[in-house]
Amino acid sequence: MRRIKKGDDVIVMTGKDKGKRGSVLRLTGDGRAYVNDINVIKKHVRANPNTGESGGIIEKEAPIHLSNLALYNPAKKAGDRIGYKTLEDGRKVRYFKSNDEVIDLA
């Protein structure tokens, strides 16, 4: 079970986007995540007339390492650490360590 999953609301802890919040778009296998409107880069793209793509400069999200992200706790209004516990029905869930609020009850 991962600490950060697709769709989680995260906050950036370090780097040029420190303090910004976004939701995780996708995760890579090497411990990085694509976050909505975080770590945006400009990429020069060549036109491809065969596929109908126009060239130019596009902006897109680059991956950011998971160690630079923290799950956003709305009760604390800040990033928080994550723990795991097993409920009475046997489900393993994530919870915020500061206030013991369960994240994965949905």
PDB file of N, CA and C in Angstrom:
ATOM      1  N   MET A   1       0.840  -1.176   0.000  1.00  0.00           N
ATOM      2  CA  MET A   1       0.000   0.000   0.000  1.00  0.00           C
ATOM      3  C   MET A   1       0.890   1.245   0.000  1.00  0.00           C
ATOM      4  N   ARG A   2       0.584   2.172  -0.879  1.00  0.00           N
ATOM      5  CA  ARG A   2       1.392   3.374  -0.993  1.00  0.00           C
ATOM      6  C   ARG A   2       0.896   4.466  -0.067  1.00  0.00           C
ATOM      7  N   ARG A   3       1.803   5.334   0.328  1.00  0.00           N
ATOM      8  CA  ARG A   3       1.419   6.459   1.173  1.00  0.00           C
ATOM      9  C   ARG A   3       0.625   7.486   0.378  1.00  0.00           C
ATOM     10  N   ILE A   4       0.998   7.702  -0.869  1.00  0.00           N
ATOM     11  CA  ILE A   4       0.303   8.653  -1.734  1.00  0.00           C
ATOM     12  C   ILE A   4      -0.247   7.888  -2.922  1.00  0.00           C
ATOM     13  N   LYS A   5      -1.531   8.113  -3.230  1.00  0.00           N
ATOM     14  CA  LYS A   5      -2.199   7.412  -4.315  1.00  0.00           C
ATOM     15  C   LYS A   5      -2.724   8.412  -5.334  1.00  0.00           C
ATOM     16  N   LYS A   6      -3.131   7.907  -6.484  1.00  0.00           N
ATOM     17  CA  LYS A   6      -3.725   8.722  -7.524  1.00  0.00           C
ATOM     18  C   LYS A   6      -5.012   9.359  -6.988  1.00  0.00           C
ATOM     19  N   GLY A   7      -5.162  10.663  -7.225  1.00  0.00           N
ATOM     20  CA  GLY A   7      -6.344  11.374  -6.776  1.00  0.00           C
ATOM     21  C   GLY A   7      -6.207  12.026  -5.410  1.00  0.00           C
ATOM     22  N   ASP A   8      -5.125  11.747  -4.682  1.00  0.00           N
ATOM     23  CA  ASP A   8      -4.923  12.357  -3.365  1.00  0.00           C
ATOM     24  C   ASP A   8      -4.614  13.846  -3.503  1.00  0.00           C
ATOM     25  N   ASP A   9      -5.031  14.615  -2.510  1.00  0.00           N
ATOM     26  CA  ASP A   9      -4.719  16.036  -2.435  1.00  0.00           C
ATOM     27  C   ASP A   9      -3.405  16.164  -1.677  1.00  0.00           C
ATOM     28  N   VAL A  10      -2.371  16.715  -2.333  1.00  0.00           N
ATOM     29  CA  VAL A  10      -1.047  16.801  -1.730  1.00  0.00           C
ATOM     30  C   VAL A  10      -0.583  18.244  -1.688  1.00  0.00           C
ATOM     31  N   ILE A  11       0.436  18.486  -0.861  1.00  0.00           N
ATOM     32  CA  ILE A  11       1.069  19.789  -0.760  1.00  0.00           C
ATOM     33  C   ILE A  11       2.569  19.588  -0.963  1.00  0.00           C
ATOM     34  N   VAL A  12       3.204  20.521  -1.658  1.00  0.00           N
ATOM     35  CA  VAL A  12       4.636  20.422  -1.947  1.00  0.00           C
ATOM     36  C   VAL A  12       5.411  20.964  -0.752  1.00  0.00           C
ATOM     37  N   MET A  13       6.373  20.188  -0.258  1.00  0.00           N
ATOM     38  CA  MET A  13       7.133  20.558   0.929  1.00  0.00           C
ATOM     39  C   MET A  13       8.441  21.279   0.603  1.00  0.00           C
ATOM     40  N   THR A  14       9.058  20.949  -0.541  1.00  0.00           N
ATOM     41  CA  THR A  14      10.326  21.574  -0.895  1.00  0.00           C
ATOM     42  C   THR A  14      10.349  21.875  -2.383  1.00  0.00           C
ATOM     43  N   GLY A  15      11.256  22.737  -2.780  1.00  0.00           N
ATOM     44  CA  GLY A  15      11.441  23.043  -4.191  1.00  0.00           C
ATOM     45  C   GLY A  15      10.816  24.360  -4.599  1.00  0.00           C
ATOM     46  N   LYS A  16      10.786  24.610  -5.890  1.00  0.00           N
ATOM     47  CA  LYS A  16      10.312  25.896  -6.406  1.00  0.00           C
ATOM     48  C   LYS A  16       8.817  26.099  -6.206  1.00  0.00           C
ATOM     49  N   ASP A  17       8.065  25.017  -6.039  1.00  0.00           N
ATOM     50  CA  ASP A  17       6.621  25.101  -5.846  1.00  0.00           C
ATOM     51  C   ASP A  17       6.213  24.860  -4.395  1.00  0.00           C
ATOM     52  N   LYS A  18       7.100  25.150  -3.456  1.00  0.00           N
ATOM     53  CA  LYS A  18       6.841  24.887  -2.042  1.00  0.00           C
ATOM     54  C   LYS A  18       5.573  25.604  -1.582  1.00  0.00           C
ATOM     55  N   GLY A  19       4.693  24.853  -0.899  1.00  0.00           N
ATOM     56  CA  GLY A  19       3.462  25.420  -0.374  1.00  0.00           C
ATOM     57  C   GLY A  19       2.265  25.293  -1.293  1.00  0.00           C
ATOM     58  N   LYS A  20       2.479  24.911  -2.550  1.00  0.00           N
ATOM     59  CA  LYS A  20       1.364  24.766  -3.494  1.00  0.00           C
ATOM     60  C   LYS A  20       0.667  23.431  -3.287  1.00  0.00           C
ATOM     61  N   ARG A  21      -0.645  23.428  -3.565  1.00  0.00           N
ATOM     62  CA  ARG A  21      -1.442  22.217  -3.435  1.00  0.00           C
ATOM     63  C   ARG A  21      -1.941  21.764  -4.790  1.00  0.00           C
ATOM     64  N   GLY A  22      -2.142  20.465  -4.927  1.00  0.00           N
ATOM     65  CA  GLY A  22      -2.684  19.906  -6.153  1.00  0.00           C
ATOM     66  C   GLY A  22      -3.082  18.462  -5.925  1.00  0.00           C
ATOM     67  N   SER A  23      -3.727  17.886  -6.938  1.00  0.00           N
ATOM     68  CA  SER A  23      -4.114  16.487  -6.835  1.00  0.00           C
ATOM     69  C   SER A  23      -3.209  15.640  -7.725  1.00  0.00           C
ATOM     70  N   VAL A  24      -2.955  14.432  -7.297  1.00  0.00           N
ATOM     71  CA  VAL A  24      -2.048  13.536  -8.009  1.00  0.00           C
ATOM     72  C   VAL A  24      -2.751  13.015  -9.259  1.00  0.00           C
ATOM     73  N   LEU A  25      -2.117  13.232 -10.423  1.00  0.00           N
ATOM     74  CA  LEU A  25      -2.671  12.766 -11.688  1.00  0.00           C
ATOM     75  C   LEU A  25      -2.299  11.320 -11.958  1.00  0.00           C
ATOM     76  N   ARG A  26      -1.004  10.999 -11.756  1.00  0.00           N
ATOM     77  CA  ARG A  26      -0.553   9.620 -11.932  1.00  0.00           C
ATOM     78  C   ARG A  26       0.778   9.431 -11.222  1.00  0.00           C
ATOM     79  N   LEU A  27       1.102   8.178 -10.953  1.00  0.00           N
ATOM     80  CA  LEU A  27       2.347   7.810 -10.289  1.00  0.00           C
ATOM     81  C   LEU A  27       3.212   7.022 -11.255  1.00  0.00           C
ATOM     82  N   THR A  28       4.521   7.176 -11.115  1.00  0.00           N
ATOM     83  CA  THR A  28       5.446   6.395 -11.919  1.00  0.00           C
ATOM     84  C   THR A  28       6.039   5.295 -11.037  1.00  0.00           C
ATOM     85  N   GLY A  29       6.713   4.352 -11.657  1.00  0.00           N
ATOM     86  CA  GLY A  29       7.276   3.239 -10.916  1.00  0.00           C
ATOM     87  C   GLY A  29       8.523   3.580 -10.134  1.00  0.00           C
ATOM     88  N   ASP A  30       9.157   4.711 -10.432  1.00  0.00           N
ATOM     89  CA  ASP A  30      10.413   5.055  -9.776  1.00  0.00           C
ATOM     90  C   ASP A  30      10.231   6.059  -8.637  1.00  0.00           C
ATOM     91  N   GLY A  31       9.040   6.123  -8.050  1.00  0.00           N
ATOM     92  CA  GLY A  31       8.829   6.971  -6.881  1.00  0.00           C
ATOM     93  C   GLY A  31       8.577   8.429  -7.202  1.00  0.00           C
ATOM     94  N   ARG A  32       7.964   8.703  -8.322  1.00  0.00           N
ATOM     95  CA  ARG A  32       7.643  10.074  -8.702  1.00  0.00           C
ATOM     96  C   ARG A  32       6.158  10.174  -9.013  1.00  0.00           C
ATOM     97  N   ALA A  33       5.648  11.406  -8.972  1.00  0.00           N
ATOM     98  CA  ALA A  33       4.230  11.623  -9.223  1.00  0.00           C
ATOM     99  C   ALA A  33       4.056  12.845 -10.106  1.00  0.00           C
ATOM    100  N   TYR A  34       3.019  12.805 -10.941  1.00  0.00           N
ATOM    101  CA  TYR A  34       2.599  13.962 -11.712  1.00  0.00           C
ATOM    102  C   TYR A  34       1.456  14.611 -10.939  1.00  0.00           C
ATOM    103  N   VAL A  35       1.629  15.897 -10.579  1.00  0.00           N
ATOM    104  CA  VAL A  35       0.639  16.605  -9.778  1.00  0.00           C
ATOM    105  C   VAL A  35       0.084  17.749 -10.620  1.00  0.00           C
ATOM    106  N   ASN A  36      -1.224  17.953 -10.537  1.00  0.00           N
ATOM    107  CA  ASN A  36      -1.912  18.968 -11.319  1.00  0.00           C
ATOM    108  C   ASN A  36      -1.365  20.367 -11.005  1.00  0.00           C
ATOM    109  N   ASP A  37      -0.854  21.068 -12.031  1.00  0.00           N
ATOM    110  CA  ASP A  37      -0.315  22.431 -11.946  1.00  0.00           C
ATOM    111  C   ASP A  37       0.876  22.575 -11.008  1.00  0.00           C
ATOM    112  N   ILE A  38       1.632  21.513 -10.786  1.00  0.00           N
ATOM    113  CA  ILE A  38       2.850  21.556  -9.977  1.00  0.00           C
ATOM    114  C   ILE A  38       4.017  21.113 -10.846  1.00  0.00           C
ATOM    115  N   ASN A  39       5.162  21.792 -10.710  1.00  0.00           N
ATOM    116  CA  ASN A  39       6.380  21.490 -11.471  1.00  0.00           C
ATOM    117  C   ASN A  39       6.109  21.573 -12.976  1.00  0.00           C
ATOM    118  N   VAL A  40       5.501  22.682 -13.399  1.00  0.00           N
ATOM    119  CA  VAL A  40       5.147  22.891 -14.803  1.00  0.00           C
ATOM    120  C   VAL A  40       6.388  23.331 -15.567  1.00  0.00           C
ATOM    121  N   ILE A  41       6.627  22.673 -16.708  1.00  0.00           N
ATOM    122  CA  ILE A  41       7.768  23.010 -17.555  1.00  0.00           C
ATOM    123  C   ILE A  41       7.265  23.418 -18.927  1.00  0.00           C
ATOM    124  N   LYS A  42       8.135  24.094 -19.686  1.00  0.00           N
ATOM    125  CA  LYS A  42       7.821  24.445 -21.065  1.00  0.00           C
ATOM    126  C   LYS A  42       8.604  23.509 -21.970  1.00  0.00           C
ATOM    127  N   LYS A  43       7.918  22.934 -22.940  1.00  0.00           N
ATOM    128  CA  LYS A  43       8.538  21.975 -23.847  1.00  0.00           C
ATOM    129  C   LYS A  43       8.342  22.461 -25.270  1.00  0.00           C
ATOM    130  N   HIS A  44       9.414  22.484 -26.023  1.00  0.00           N
ATOM    131  CA  HIS A  44       9.356  22.872 -27.429  1.00  0.00           C
ATOM    132  C   HIS A  44       8.999  21.642 -28.258  1.00  0.00           C
ATOM    133  N   VAL A  45       7.903  21.734 -29.001  1.00  0.00           N
ATOM    134  CA  VAL A  45       7.382  20.593 -29.740  1.00  0.00           C
ATOM    135  C   VAL A  45       7.433  20.898 -31.230  1.00  0.00           C
ATOM    136  N   ARG A  46       7.937  19.944 -31.986  1.00  0.00           N
ATOM    137  CA  ARG A  46       7.990  20.093 -33.420  1.00  0.00           C
ATOM    138  C   ARG A  46       6.654  19.679 -34.033  1.00  0.00           C
ATOM    139  N   ALA A  47       6.243  20.369 -35.075  1.00  0.00           N
ATOM    140  CA  ALA A  47       4.976  20.052 -35.742  1.00  0.00           C
ATOM    141  C   ALA A  47       5.087  18.715 -36.458  1.00  0.00           C
ATOM    142  N   ASN A  48       3.977  17.982 -36.485  1.00  0.00           N
ATOM    143  CA  ASN A  48       3.915  16.705 -37.174  1.00  0.00           C
ATOM    144  C   ASN A  48       2.688  16.730 -38.084  1.00  0.00           C
ATOM    145  N   PRO A  49       2.887  17.006 -39.381  1.00  0.00           N
ATOM    146  CA  PRO A  49       1.724  17.114 -40.270  1.00  0.00           C
ATOM    147  C   PRO A  49       1.004  15.782 -40.494  1.00  0.00           C
ATOM    148  N   ASN A  50       1.678  14.668 -40.289  1.00  0.00           N
ATOM    149  CA  ASN A  50       1.030  13.359 -40.476  1.00  0.00           C
ATOM    150  C   ASN A  50      -0.073  13.107 -39.450  1.00  0.00           C
ATOM    151  N   THR A  51       0.142  13.569 -38.213  1.00  0.00           N
ATOM    152  CA  THR A  51      -0.864  13.376 -37.176  1.00  0.00           C
ATOM    153  C   THR A  51      -1.692  14.628 -36.933  1.00  0.00           C
ATOM    154  N   GLY A  52      -1.361  15.715 -37.592  1.00  0.00           N
ATOM    155  CA  GLY A  52      -2.119  16.954 -37.441  1.00  0.00           C
ATOM    156  C   GLY A  52      -1.736  17.771 -36.220  1.00  0.00           C
ATOM    157  N   GLU A  53      -0.595  17.477 -35.605  1.00  0.00           N
ATOM    158  CA  GLU A  53      -0.148  18.223 -34.438  1.00  0.00           C
ATOM    159  C   GLU A  53       0.560  19.486 -34.874  1.00  0.00           C
ATOM    160  N   SER A  54       0.224  20.590 -34.209  1.00  0.00           N
ATOM    161  CA  SER A  54       0.914  21.836 -34.508  1.00  0.00           C
ATOM    162  C   SER A  54       2.104  21.990 -33.577  1.00  0.00           C
ATOM    163  N   GLY A  55       3.116  22.661 -34.036  1.00  0.00           N
ATOM    164  CA  GLY A  55       4.313  22.854 -33.239  1.00  0.00           C
ATOM    165  C   GLY A  55       4.181  24.075 -32.353  1.00  0.00           C
ATOM    166  N   GLY A  56       5.159  24.267 -31.482  1.00  0.00           N
ATOM    167  CA  GLY A  56       5.176  25.425 -30.606  1.00  0.00           C
ATOM    168  C   GLY A  56       5.707  25.066 -29.236  1.00  0.00           C
ATOM    169  N   ILE A  57       5.443  25.945 -28.302  1.00  0.00           N
ATOM    170  CA  ILE A  57       5.880  25.745 -26.933  1.00  0.00           C
ATOM    171  C   ILE A  57       4.650  25.387 -26.097  1.00  0.00           C
ATOM    172  N   ILE A  58       4.694  24.226 -25.479  1.00  0.00           N
ATOM    173  CA  ILE A  58       3.576  23.801 -24.641  1.00  0.00           C
ATOM    174  C   ILE A  58       4.036  23.732 -23.183  1.00  0.00           C
ATOM    175  N   GLU A  59       3.090  23.883 -22.273  1.00  0.00           N
ATOM    176  CA  GLU A  59       3.382  23.737 -20.856  1.00  0.00           C
ATOM    177  C   GLU A  59       2.755  22.444 -20.374  1.00  0.00           C
ATOM    178  N   LYS A  60       3.533  21.670 -19.609  1.00  0.00           N
ATOM    179  CA  LYS A  60       3.019  20.423 -19.081  1.00  0.00           C
ATOM    180  C   LYS A  60       3.678  20.123 -17.740  1.00  0.00           C
ATOM    181  N   GLU A  61       3.052  19.229 -16.986  1.00  0.00           N
ATOM    182  CA  GLU A  61       3.580  18.857 -15.687  1.00  0.00           C
ATOM    183  C   GLU A  61       4.742  17.881 -15.845  1.00  0.00           C
ATOM    184  N   ALA A  62       5.773  18.091 -15.052  1.00  0.00           N
ATOM    185  CA  ALA A  62       6.896  17.167 -14.990  1.00  0.00           C
ATOM    186  C   ALA A  62       6.755  16.387 -13.680  1.00  0.00           C
ATOM    187  N   PRO A  63       7.340  15.197 -13.608  1.00  0.00           N
ATOM    188  CA  PRO A  63       7.210  14.421 -12.367  1.00  0.00           C
ATOM    189  C   PRO A  63       7.986  15.055 -11.212  1.00  0.00           C
ATOM    190  N   ILE A  64       7.456  14.875 -10.019  1.00  0.00           N
ATOM    191  CA  ILE A  64       8.112  15.356  -8.802  1.00  0.00           C
ATOM    192  C   ILE A  64       8.259  14.174  -7.854  1.00  0.00           C
ATOM    193  N   HIS A  65       9.369  14.116  -7.136  1.00  0.00           N
ATOM    194  CA  HIS A  65       9.646  12.977  -6.276  1.00  0.00           C
ATOM    195  C   HIS A  65       8.689  12.952  -5.093  1.00  0.00           C
ATOM    196  N   LEU A  66       8.285  11.742  -4.698  1.00  0.00           N
ATOM    197  CA  LEU A  66       7.314  11.586  -3.614  1.00  0.00           C
ATOM    198  C   LEU A  66       7.836  12.093  -2.274  1.00  0.00           C
ATOM    199  N   SER A  67       9.142  12.141  -2.103  1.00  0.00           N
ATOM    200  CA  SER A  67       9.692  12.639  -0.844  1.00  0.00           C
ATOM    201  C   SER A  67       9.476  14.138  -0.685  1.00  0.00           C
ATOM    202  N   ASN A  68       9.176  14.829  -1.772  1.00  0.00           N
ATOM    203  CA  ASN A  68       8.924  16.266  -1.717  1.00  0.00           C
ATOM    204  C   ASN A  68       7.448  16.592  -1.537  1.00  0.00           C
ATOM    205  N   LEU A  69       6.603  15.575  -1.402  1.00  0.00           N
ATOM    206  CA  LEU A  69       5.164  15.763  -1.257  1.00  0.00           C
ATOM    207  C   LEU A  69       4.700  15.246   0.095  1.00  0.00           C
ATOM    208  N   ALA A  70       3.613  15.847   0.596  1.00  0.00           N
ATOM    209  CA  ALA A  70       2.960  15.358   1.805  1.00  0.00           C
ATOM    210  C   ALA A  70       1.464  15.397   1.560  1.00  0.00           C
ATOM    211  N   LEU A  71       0.757  14.441   2.119  1.00  0.00           N
ATOM    212  CA  LEU A  71      -0.689  14.404   1.986  1.00  0.00           C
ATOM    213  C   LEU A  71      -1.282  15.580   2.757  1.00  0.00           C
ATOM    214  N   TYR A  72      -2.236  16.286   2.130  1.00  0.00           N
ATOM    215  CA  TYR A  72      -2.827  17.472   2.743  1.00  0.00           C
ATOM    216  C   TYR A  72      -3.919  17.067   3.722  1.00  0.00           C
ATOM    217  N   ASN A  73      -3.809  17.565   4.949  1.00  0.00           N
ATOM    218  CA  ASN A  73      -4.799  17.301   5.993  1.00  0.00           C
ATOM    219  C   ASN A  73      -5.701  18.520   6.112  1.00  0.00           C
ATOM    220  N   PRO A  74      -6.986  18.433   5.700  1.00  0.00           N
ATOM    221  CA  PRO A  74      -7.864  19.602   5.756  1.00  0.00           C
ATOM    222  C   PRO A  74      -8.150  20.083   7.179  1.00  0.00           C
ATOM    223  N   ALA A  75      -8.111  19.200   8.169  1.00  0.00           N
ATOM    224  CA  ALA A  75      -8.354  19.616   9.544  1.00  0.00           C
ATOM    225  C   ALA A  75      -7.196  20.451  10.075  1.00  0.00           C
ATOM    226  N   LYS A  76      -5.995  20.082   9.714  1.00  0.00           N
ATOM    227  CA  LYS A  76      -4.790  20.778  10.169  1.00  0.00           C
ATOM    228  C   LYS A  76      -4.409  21.923   9.228  1.00  0.00           C
ATOM    229  N   LYS A  77      -4.935  21.877   7.991  1.00  0.00           N
ATOM    230  CA  LYS A  77      -4.628  22.840   6.924  1.00  0.00           C
ATOM    231  C   LYS A  77      -3.133  22.881   6.609  1.00  0.00           C
ATOM    232  N   ALA A  78      -2.523  21.697   6.601  1.00  0.00           N
ATOM    233  CA  ALA A  78      -1.102  21.562   6.291  1.00  0.00           C
ATOM    234  C   ALA A  78      -0.826  20.128   5.882  1.00  0.00           C
ATOM    235  N   GLY A  79       0.409  19.883   5.464  1.00  0.00           N
ATOM    236  CA  GLY A  79       0.818  18.525   5.146  1.00  0.00           C
ATOM    237  C   GLY A  79       0.944  17.707   6.414  1.00  0.00           C
ATOM    238  N   ASP A  80       0.695  16.408   6.294  1.00  0.00           N
ATOM    239  CA  ASP A  80       0.704  15.563   7.480  1.00  0.00           C
ATOM    240  C   ASP A  80       1.330  14.217   7.154  1.00  0.00           C
ATOM    241  N   ARG A  81       1.814  13.549   8.203  1.00  0.00           N
ATOM    242  CA  ARG A  81       2.398  12.224   8.052  1.00  0.00           C
ATOM    243  C   ARG A  81       1.307  11.181   8.041  1.00  0.00           C
ATOM    244  N   ILE A  82       1.623  10.049   7.397  1.00  0.00           N
ATOM    245  CA  ILE A  82       0.644   8.989   7.192  1.00  0.00           C
ATOM    246  C   ILE A  82       1.068   7.744   7.954  1.00  0.00           C
ATOM    247  N   GLY A  83       0.091   7.067   8.525  1.00  0.00           N
ATOM    248  CA  GLY A  83       0.320   5.779   9.167  1.00  0.00           C
ATOM    249  C   GLY A  83      -0.687   4.775   8.639  1.00  0.00           C
ATOM    250  N   TYR A  84      -0.533   3.530   9.028  1.00  0.00           N
ATOM    251  CA  TYR A  84      -1.436   2.466   8.608  1.00  0.00           C
ATOM    252  C   TYR A  84      -2.000   1.779   9.839  1.00  0.00           C
ATOM    253  N   LYS A  85      -3.261   1.410   9.755  1.00  0.00           N
ATOM    254  CA  LYS A  85      -3.844   0.591  10.807  1.00  0.00           C
ATOM    255  C   LYS A  85      -4.898  -0.308  10.197  1.00  0.00           C
ATOM    256  N   THR A  86      -5.221  -1.376  10.905  1.00  0.00           N
ATOM    257  CA  THR A  86      -6.218  -2.336  10.447  1.00  0.00           C
ATOM    258  C   THR A  86      -7.497  -2.128  11.255  1.00  0.00           C
ATOM    259  N   LEU A  87      -8.610  -2.006  10.548  1.00  0.00           N
ATOM    260  CA  LEU A  87      -9.906  -1.823  11.202  1.00  0.00           C
ATOM    261  C   LEU A  87     -10.434  -3.156  11.718  1.00  0.00           C
ATOM    262  N   GLU A  88     -11.558  -3.104  12.449  1.00  0.00           N
ATOM    263  CA  GLU A  88     -12.138  -4.310  13.027  1.00  0.00           C
ATOM    264  C   GLU A  88     -12.578  -5.305  11.961  1.00  0.00           C
ATOM    265  N   ASP A  89     -12.998  -4.794  10.792  1.00  0.00           N
ATOM    266  CA  ASP A  89     -13.446  -5.697   9.724  1.00  0.00           C
ATOM    267  C   ASP A  89     -12.295  -6.244   8.884  1.00  0.00           C
ATOM    268  N   GLY A  90     -11.047  -5.915   9.237  1.00  0.00           N
ATOM    269  CA  GLY A  90      -9.893  -6.481   8.563  1.00  0.00           C
ATOM    270  C   GLY A  90      -9.312  -5.620   7.449  1.00  0.00           C
ATOM    271  N   ARG A  91      -9.913  -4.452   7.191  1.00  0.00           N
ATOM    272  CA  ARG A  91      -9.386  -3.593   6.131  1.00  0.00           C
ATOM    273  C   ARG A  91      -8.178  -2.807   6.626  1.00  0.00           C
ATOM    274  N   LYS A  92      -7.158  -2.694   5.786  1.00  0.00           N
ATOM    275  CA  LYS A  92      -5.988  -1.902   6.093  1.00  0.00           C
ATOM    276  C   LYS A  92      -6.201  -0.516   5.495  1.00  0.00           C
ATOM    277  N   VAL A  93      -6.115   0.525   6.322  1.00  0.00           N
ATOM    278  CA  VAL A  93      -6.401   1.887   5.884  1.00  0.00           C
ATOM    279  C   VAL A  93      -5.267   2.819   6.276  1.00  0.00           C
ATOM    280  N   ARG A  94      -5.209   3.969   5.592  1.00  0.00           N
ATOM    281  CA  ARG A  94      -4.259   5.022   5.924  1.00  0.00           C
ATOM    282  C   ARG A  94      -4.934   5.995   6.889  1.00  0.00           C
ATOM    283  N   TYR A  95      -4.124   6.610   7.760  1.00  0.00           N
ATOM    284  CA  TYR A  95      -4.673   7.614   8.665  1.00  0.00           C
ATOM    285  C   TYR A  95      -3.629   8.705   8.894  1.00  0.00           C
ATOM    286  N   PHE A  96      -4.118   9.917   9.260  1.00  0.00           N
ATOM    287  CA  PHE A  96      -3.228  11.020   9.594  1.00  0.00           C
ATOM    288  C   PHE A  96      -2.696  10.808  11.003  1.00  0.00           C
ATOM    289  N   LYS A  97      -1.389  10.946  11.185  1.00  0.00           N
ATOM    290  CA  LYS A  97      -0.788  10.677  12.483  1.00  0.00           C
ATOM    291  C   LYS A  97      -1.078  11.779  13.501  1.00  0.00           C
ATOM    292  N   SER A  98      -1.376  13.000  13.048  1.00  0.00           N
ATOM    293  CA  SER A  98      -1.581  14.090  13.997  1.00  0.00           C
ATOM    294  C   SER A  98      -2.920  13.997  14.710  1.00  0.00           C
ATOM    295  N   ASN A  99      -3.978  13.554  14.006  1.00  0.00           N
ATOM    296  CA  ASN A  99      -5.296  13.518  14.645  1.00  0.00           C
ATOM    297  C   ASN A  99      -6.006  12.168  14.496  1.00  0.00           C
ATOM    298  N   ASP A 100      -5.322  11.139  14.039  1.00  0.00           N
ATOM    299  CA  ASP A 100      -5.855   9.779  13.890  1.00  0.00           C
ATOM    300  C   ASP A 100      -7.093   9.713  13.007  1.00  0.00           C
ATOM    301  N   GLU A 101      -7.246  10.643  12.062  1.00  0.00           N
ATOM    302  CA  GLU A 101      -8.379  10.623  11.142  1.00  0.00           C
ATOM    303  C   GLU A 101      -8.086   9.655  10.007  1.00  0.00           C
ATOM    304  N   VAL A 102      -9.022   8.760   9.722  1.00  0.00           N
ATOM    305  CA  VAL A 102      -8.850   7.751   8.676  1.00  0.00           C
ATOM    306  C   VAL A 102      -9.097   8.388   7.312  1.00  0.00           C
ATOM    307  N   ILE A 103      -8.247   8.073   6.343  1.00  0.00           N
ATOM    308  CA  ILE A 103      -8.331   8.661   4.999  1.00  0.00           C
ATOM    309  C   ILE A 103      -9.158   7.792   4.069  1.00  0.00           C
ATOM    310  N   ASP A 104      -8.979   6.485   4.109  1.00  0.00           N
ATOM    311  CA  ASP A 104      -9.535   5.568   3.105  1.00  0.00           C
ATOM    312  C   ASP A 104     -10.867   4.941   3.505  1.00  0.00           C
ATOM    313  N   LEU A 105     -11.781   5.678   4.083  1.00  0.00           N
ATOM    314  CA  LEU A 105     -13.053   5.067   4.486  1.00  0.00           C
ATOM    315  C   LEU A 105     -14.072   4.986   3.377  1.00  0.00           C
ATOM    316  N   ALA A 106     -13.868   5.671   2.269  1.00  0.00           N
ATOM    317  CA  ALA A 106     -14.849   5.687   1.184  1.00  0.00           C
ATOM    318  C   ALA A 106     -15.013   4.357   0.510  1.00  0.00           C
TER     319      ALA A 106
END
